C-alpha cells in the first residue's frame, strides 16, 4: 500500500528521484502532527467515557425520537428515516421550498444541518424517487430546548 502523502518520516529519500517506504504501517505516518487534534480527541474520549457509551446511545436515541415526532407535526414535513432501528441522524423533506434554501436559512439561525442529494445517494434516495433530504444530527450533549428551537425554526419556514 502506498500512502497518499509521504514525507521524510514514512520512508527514506535514497536518491534525487527515488524514495524507499518504511516497512509496515509506519509508512503511513507523517512527521508533522496536529497535536491540538490529539489533545481534543483525548478530551472527547474522557468526556464520553464519563457519560458511558450506553448512556450516550440512550440519550441520542431519545433526542432523535423527540425530533422525529416534533418534525412530523409540521405541515409539509415528511420524516424519511427507514429501518427498524433508527439512529441520531434524522432525515426529512419539506414541501414547497428548495432544500438548499432551507439549509441556508437554518444556518442563518446558527443551526447546522446538511443536505444529501439523490445523486449522492442513488441506492437509497434514488430508488425511492427522492431528490434530496435534509439531515439533522443530534448528540448526547444537545438539549431538549435546542430540539424545540430547531423545530420552531423549521415550522417558521
C-alpha atoms as a PDB file:
ATOM      1  CA  UNK A   1       0.000   0.000   0.000  1.00  0.00           C
ATOM      2  CA  UNK A   2       1.328   3.388  -0.960  1.00  0.00           C
ATOM      3  CA  UNK A   3       0.476   6.336   1.273  1.00  0.00           C
ATOM      4  CA  UNK A   4      -1.462   9.281  -0.148  1.00  0.00           C
ATOM      5  CA  UNK A   5       1.104  11.703   1.304  1.00  0.00           C
ATOM      6  CA  UNK A   6       4.744  10.940   2.007  1.00  0.00           C
ATOM      7  CA  UNK A   7       7.321  12.852   3.996  1.00  0.00           C
ATOM      8  CA  UNK A   8      10.714  12.039   5.470  1.00  0.00           C
ATOM      9  CA  UNK A   9       9.088  10.090   8.324  1.00  0.00           C
ATOM     10  CA  UNK A  10       7.327   7.453   6.194  1.00  0.00           C
ATOM     11  CA  UNK A  11      10.474   6.417   4.395  1.00  0.00           C
ATOM     12  CA  UNK A  12      13.930   7.378   3.233  1.00  0.00           C
ATOM     13  CA  UNK A  13      14.945   9.557   0.321  1.00  0.00           C
ATOM     14  CA  UNK A  14      17.519   7.266  -1.249  1.00  0.00           C
ATOM     15  CA  UNK A  15      18.419   9.226  -4.403  1.00  0.00           C
ATOM     16  CA  UNK A  16      17.460  12.506  -6.027  1.00  0.00           C
ATOM     17  CA  UNK A  17      14.370  10.937  -7.646  1.00  0.00           C
ATOM     18  CA  UNK A  18      13.859   7.854  -5.515  1.00  0.00           C
ATOM     19  CA  UNK A  19      12.195   7.148  -2.202  1.00  0.00           C
ATOM     20  CA  UNK A  20      12.003   3.907  -0.199  1.00  0.00           C
ATOM     21  CA  UNK A  21       8.980   3.451   2.053  1.00  0.00           C
ATOM     22  CA  UNK A  22       9.334   2.159   5.573  1.00  0.00           C
ATOM     23  CA  UNK A  23       8.100  -1.352   6.199  1.00  0.00           C
ATOM     24  CA  UNK A  24       4.706  -1.917   7.777  1.00  0.00           C
ATOM     25  CA  UNK A  25       2.160   0.660   8.870  1.00  0.00           C
ATOM     26  CA  UNK A  26       4.793   3.247   9.797  1.00  0.00           C
ATOM     27  CA  UNK A  27       4.947   4.160   6.097  1.00  0.00           C
ATOM     28  CA  UNK A  28       1.547   5.836   6.617  1.00  0.00           C
ATOM     29  CA  UNK A  29       2.765   8.062   9.459  1.00  0.00           C
ATOM     30  CA  UNK A  30       3.774  11.672   8.988  1.00  0.00           C
ATOM     31  CA  UNK A  31       6.368  13.668  10.880  1.00  0.00           C
ATOM     32  CA  UNK A  32       4.086  16.689  11.255  1.00  0.00           C
ATOM     33  CA  UNK A  33       1.223  16.006  13.639  1.00  0.00           C
ATOM     34  CA  UNK A  34      -1.783  18.017  14.747  1.00  0.00           C
ATOM     35  CA  UNK A  35      -1.214  17.880  18.497  1.00  0.00           C
ATOM     36  CA  UNK A  36      -4.270  20.045  19.224  1.00  0.00           C
ATOM     37  CA  UNK A  37      -6.429  17.436  17.483  1.00  0.00           C
ATOM     38  CA  UNK A  38      -4.807  14.635  19.516  1.00  0.00           C
ATOM     39  CA  UNK A  39      -5.475  16.533  22.741  1.00  0.00           C
ATOM     40  CA  UNK A  40      -9.041  17.250  21.633  1.00  0.00           C
ATOM     41  CA  UNK A  41      -9.613  13.597  20.833  1.00  0.00           C
ATOM     42  CA  UNK A  42      -8.311  12.648  24.277  1.00  0.00           C
ATOM     43  CA  UNK A  43     -10.637  15.143  25.969  1.00  0.00           C
ATOM     44  CA  UNK A  44     -13.589  13.873  23.907  1.00  0.00           C
ATOM     45  CA  UNK A  45     -12.773  10.255  24.832  1.00  0.00           C
ATOM     46  CA  UNK A  46     -12.605  11.170  28.532  1.00  0.00           C
ATOM     47  CA  UNK A  47     -15.919  13.036  28.290  1.00  0.00           C
ATOM     48  CA  UNK A  48     -17.627  10.123  26.514  1.00  0.00           C
ATOM     49  CA  UNK A  49     -16.179   7.626  28.987  1.00  0.00           C
ATOM     50  CA  UNK A  50     -17.543   9.668  31.884  1.00  0.00           C
ATOM     51  CA  UNK A  51     -21.007   9.631  30.310  1.00  0.00           C
ATOM     52  CA  UNK A  52     -20.807   5.926  29.441  1.00  0.00           C
ATOM     53  CA  UNK A  53     -21.415   4.549  25.981  1.00  0.00           C
ATOM     54  CA  UNK A  54     -24.785   3.006  26.859  1.00  0.00           C
ATOM     55  CA  UNK A  55     -25.977   6.328  28.300  1.00  0.00           C
ATOM     56  CA  UNK A  56     -24.794   8.146  25.168  1.00  0.00           C
ATOM     57  CA  UNK A  57     -26.679   5.707  22.956  1.00  0.00           C
ATOM     58  CA  UNK A  58     -29.862   6.049  25.005  1.00  0.00           C
ATOM     59  CA  UNK A  59     -29.640   9.845  25.041  1.00  0.00           C
ATOM     60  CA  UNK A  60     -29.022  10.038  21.271  1.00  0.00           C
ATOM     61  CA  UNK A  61     -31.965   7.754  20.537  1.00  0.00           C
ATOM     62  CA  UNK A  62     -34.218   9.704  22.928  1.00  0.00           C
ATOM     63  CA  UNK A  63     -33.373  13.069  21.352  1.00  0.00           C
ATOM     64  CA  UNK A  64     -33.683  11.751  17.790  1.00  0.00           C
ATOM     65  CA  UNK A  65     -37.080  10.231  18.588  1.00  0.00           C
ATOM     66  CA  UNK A  66     -38.252  13.552  20.042  1.00  0.00           C
ATOM     67  CA  UNK A  67     -37.019  15.366  16.939  1.00  0.00           C
ATOM     68  CA  UNK A  68     -38.755  12.939  14.560  1.00  0.00           C
ATOM     69  CA  UNK A  69     -42.027  13.217  16.481  1.00  0.00           C
ATOM     70  CA  UNK A  70     -41.904  17.023  16.526  1.00  0.00           C
ATOM     71  CA  UNK A  71     -40.997  17.312  12.833  1.00  0.00           C
ATOM     72  CA  UNK A  72     -43.946  15.074  11.895  1.00  0.00           C
ATOM     73  CA  UNK A  73     -46.240  17.687  13.456  1.00  0.00           C
ATOM     74  CA  UNK A  74     -45.147  20.357  10.945  1.00  0.00           C
ATOM     75  CA  UNK A  75     -47.329  20.648   7.850  1.00  0.00           C
ATOM     76  CA  UNK A  76     -45.363  19.760   4.717  1.00  0.00           C
ATOM     77  CA  UNK A  77     -42.569  17.955   6.577  1.00  0.00           C
ATOM     78  CA  UNK A  78     -42.015  14.257   5.987  1.00  0.00           C
ATOM     79  CA  UNK A  79     -39.513  12.281   8.049  1.00  0.00           C
ATOM     80  CA  UNK A  80     -37.699   9.955   5.649  1.00  0.00           C
ATOM     81  CA  UNK A  81     -35.834   7.629   8.028  1.00  0.00           C
ATOM     82  CA  UNK A  82     -36.311   3.931   7.416  1.00  0.00           C
ATOM     83  CA  UNK A  83     -35.357   0.762   9.212  1.00  0.00           C
ATOM     84  CA  UNK A  84     -36.391  -0.894  12.421  1.00  0.00           C
ATOM     85  CA  UNK A  85     -33.613   0.756  14.449  1.00  0.00           C
ATOM     86  CA  UNK A  86     -33.090   4.446  13.946  1.00  0.00           C
ATOM     87  CA  UNK A  87     -30.021   6.418  14.984  1.00  0.00           C
ATOM     88  CA  UNK A  88     -29.135  10.013  15.787  1.00  0.00           C
ATOM     89  CA  UNK A  89     -29.332  11.291  12.203  1.00  0.00           C
ATOM     90  CA  UNK A  90     -32.827  12.460  11.272  1.00  0.00           C
ATOM     91  CA  UNK A  91     -33.603  12.865   7.566  1.00  0.00           C
ATOM     92  CA  UNK A  92     -36.609  14.795   6.364  1.00  0.00           C
ATOM     93  CA  UNK A  93     -38.059  16.715   3.455  1.00  0.00           C
ATOM     94  CA  UNK A  94     -40.033  19.944   3.417  1.00  0.00           C
ATOM     95  CA  UNK A  95     -42.564  20.586   0.669  1.00  0.00           C
ATOM     96  CA  UNK A  96     -42.815  23.941  -1.021  1.00  0.00           C
ATOM     97  CA  UNK A  97     -39.282  25.218  -0.622  1.00  0.00           C
ATOM     98  CA  UNK A  98     -35.921  24.295  -2.169  1.00  0.00           C
ATOM     99  CA  UNK A  99     -33.856  22.319   0.309  1.00  0.00           C
ATOM    100  CA  UNK A 100     -30.708  24.355  -0.320  1.00  0.00           C
ATOM    101  CA  UNK A 101     -32.611  27.484   0.676  1.00  0.00           C
ATOM    102  CA  UNK A 102     -33.897  25.819   3.843  1.00  0.00           C
ATOM    103  CA  UNK A 103     -30.374  24.718   4.699  1.00  0.00           C
ATOM    104  CA  UNK A 104     -29.080  28.279   4.376  1.00  0.00           C
ATOM    105  CA  UNK A 105     -31.957  29.798   6.338  1.00  0.00           C
ATOM    106  CA  UNK A 106     -31.395  27.383   9.226  1.00  0.00           C
ATOM    107  CA  UNK A 107     -27.666  28.098   9.172  1.00  0.00           C
ATOM    108  CA  UNK A 108     -28.519  31.798   9.373  1.00  0.00           C
ATOM    109  CA  UNK A 109     -30.239  30.888  12.650  1.00  0.00           C
ATOM    110  CA  UNK A 110     -26.974  29.218  13.816  1.00  0.00           C
ATOM    111  CA  UNK A 111     -28.372  25.730  13.199  1.00  0.00           C
ATOM    112  CA  UNK A 112     -26.112  23.417  11.266  1.00  0.00           C
ATOM    113  CA  UNK A 113     -27.747  20.744   9.153  1.00  0.00           C
ATOM    114  CA  UNK A 114     -26.635  19.060   5.966  1.00  0.00           C
ATOM    115  CA  UNK A 115     -28.205  18.136   2.660  1.00  0.00           C
ATOM    116  CA  UNK A 116     -27.945  14.801   0.872  1.00  0.00           C
ATOM    117  CA  UNK A 117     -28.833  14.777  -2.800  1.00  0.00           C
ATOM    118  CA  UNK A 118     -30.325  11.863  -4.664  1.00  0.00           C
ATOM    119  CA  UNK A 119     -27.289  11.929  -6.942  1.00  0.00           C
ATOM    120  CA  UNK A 120     -25.044  11.246  -3.942  1.00  0.00           C
ATOM    121  CA  UNK A 121     -27.304   8.537  -2.514  1.00  0.00           C
ATOM    122  CA  UNK A 122     -28.676   6.719  -5.529  1.00  0.00           C
ATOM    123  CA  UNK A 123     -29.019   3.350  -3.782  1.00  0.00           C
ATOM    124  CA  UNK A 124     -31.308   4.919  -1.195  1.00  0.00           C
ATOM    125  CA  UNK A 125     -32.869   8.195  -2.268  1.00  0.00           C
ATOM    126  CA  UNK A 126     -32.723   7.492  -5.985  1.00  0.00           C
ATOM    127  CA  UNK A 127     -34.588   4.209  -5.634  1.00  0.00           C
ATOM    128  CA  UNK A 128     -37.256   5.944  -3.521  1.00  0.00           C
ATOM    129  CA  UNK A 129     -37.628   8.793  -6.007  1.00  0.00           C
ATOM    130  CA  UNK A 130     -36.450  11.402  -3.512  1.00  0.00           C
ATOM    131  CA  UNK A 131     -34.474  14.308  -4.955  1.00  0.00           C
ATOM    132  CA  UNK A 132     -32.822  15.350  -1.673  1.00  0.00           C
ATOM    133  CA  UNK A 133     -33.188  15.155   2.111  1.00  0.00           C
ATOM    134  CA  UNK A 134     -32.244  17.484   4.914  1.00  0.00           C
ATOM    135  CA  UNK A 135     -30.191  15.846   7.669  1.00  0.00           C
ATOM    136  CA  UNK A 136     -30.262  16.962  11.279  1.00  0.00           C
ATOM    137  CA  UNK A 137     -27.964  15.156  13.690  1.00  0.00           C
ATOM    138  CA  UNK A 138     -28.476  15.096  17.427  1.00  0.00           C
ATOM    139  CA  UNK A 139     -25.907  14.125  20.006  1.00  0.00           C
ATOM    140  CA  UNK A 140     -25.951  13.481  23.712  1.00  0.00           C
ATOM    141  CA  UNK A 141     -24.815  16.974  24.610  1.00  0.00           C
ATOM    142  CA  UNK A 142     -27.821  18.540  22.837  1.00  0.00           C
ATOM    143  CA  UNK A 143     -30.726  19.724  24.978  1.00  0.00           C
ATOM    144  CA  UNK A 144     -34.458  19.289  24.509  1.00  0.00           C
ATOM    145  CA  UNK A 145     -34.677  23.081  24.308  1.00  0.00           C
ATOM    146  CA  UNK A 146     -32.349  23.010  21.292  1.00  0.00           C
ATOM    147  CA  UNK A 147     -34.625  20.426  19.655  1.00  0.00           C
ATOM    148  CA  UNK A 148     -37.644  22.676  20.290  1.00  0.00           C
ATOM    149  CA  UNK A 149     -35.806  25.711  18.918  1.00  0.00           C
ATOM    150  CA  UNK A 150     -34.851  23.779  15.777  1.00  0.00           C
ATOM    151  CA  UNK A 151     -38.402  22.536  15.221  1.00  0.00           C
ATOM    152  CA  UNK A 152     -39.787  26.048  15.758  1.00  0.00           C
ATOM    153  CA  UNK A 153     -37.346  27.407  13.167  1.00  0.00           C
ATOM    154  CA  UNK A 154     -38.380  24.698  10.687  1.00  0.00           C
ATOM    155  CA  UNK A 155     -42.065  25.421  11.289  1.00  0.00           C
ATOM    156  CA  UNK A 156     -41.380  29.097  10.599  1.00  0.00           C
ATOM    157  CA  UNK A 157     -40.026  28.325   7.152  1.00  0.00           C
END
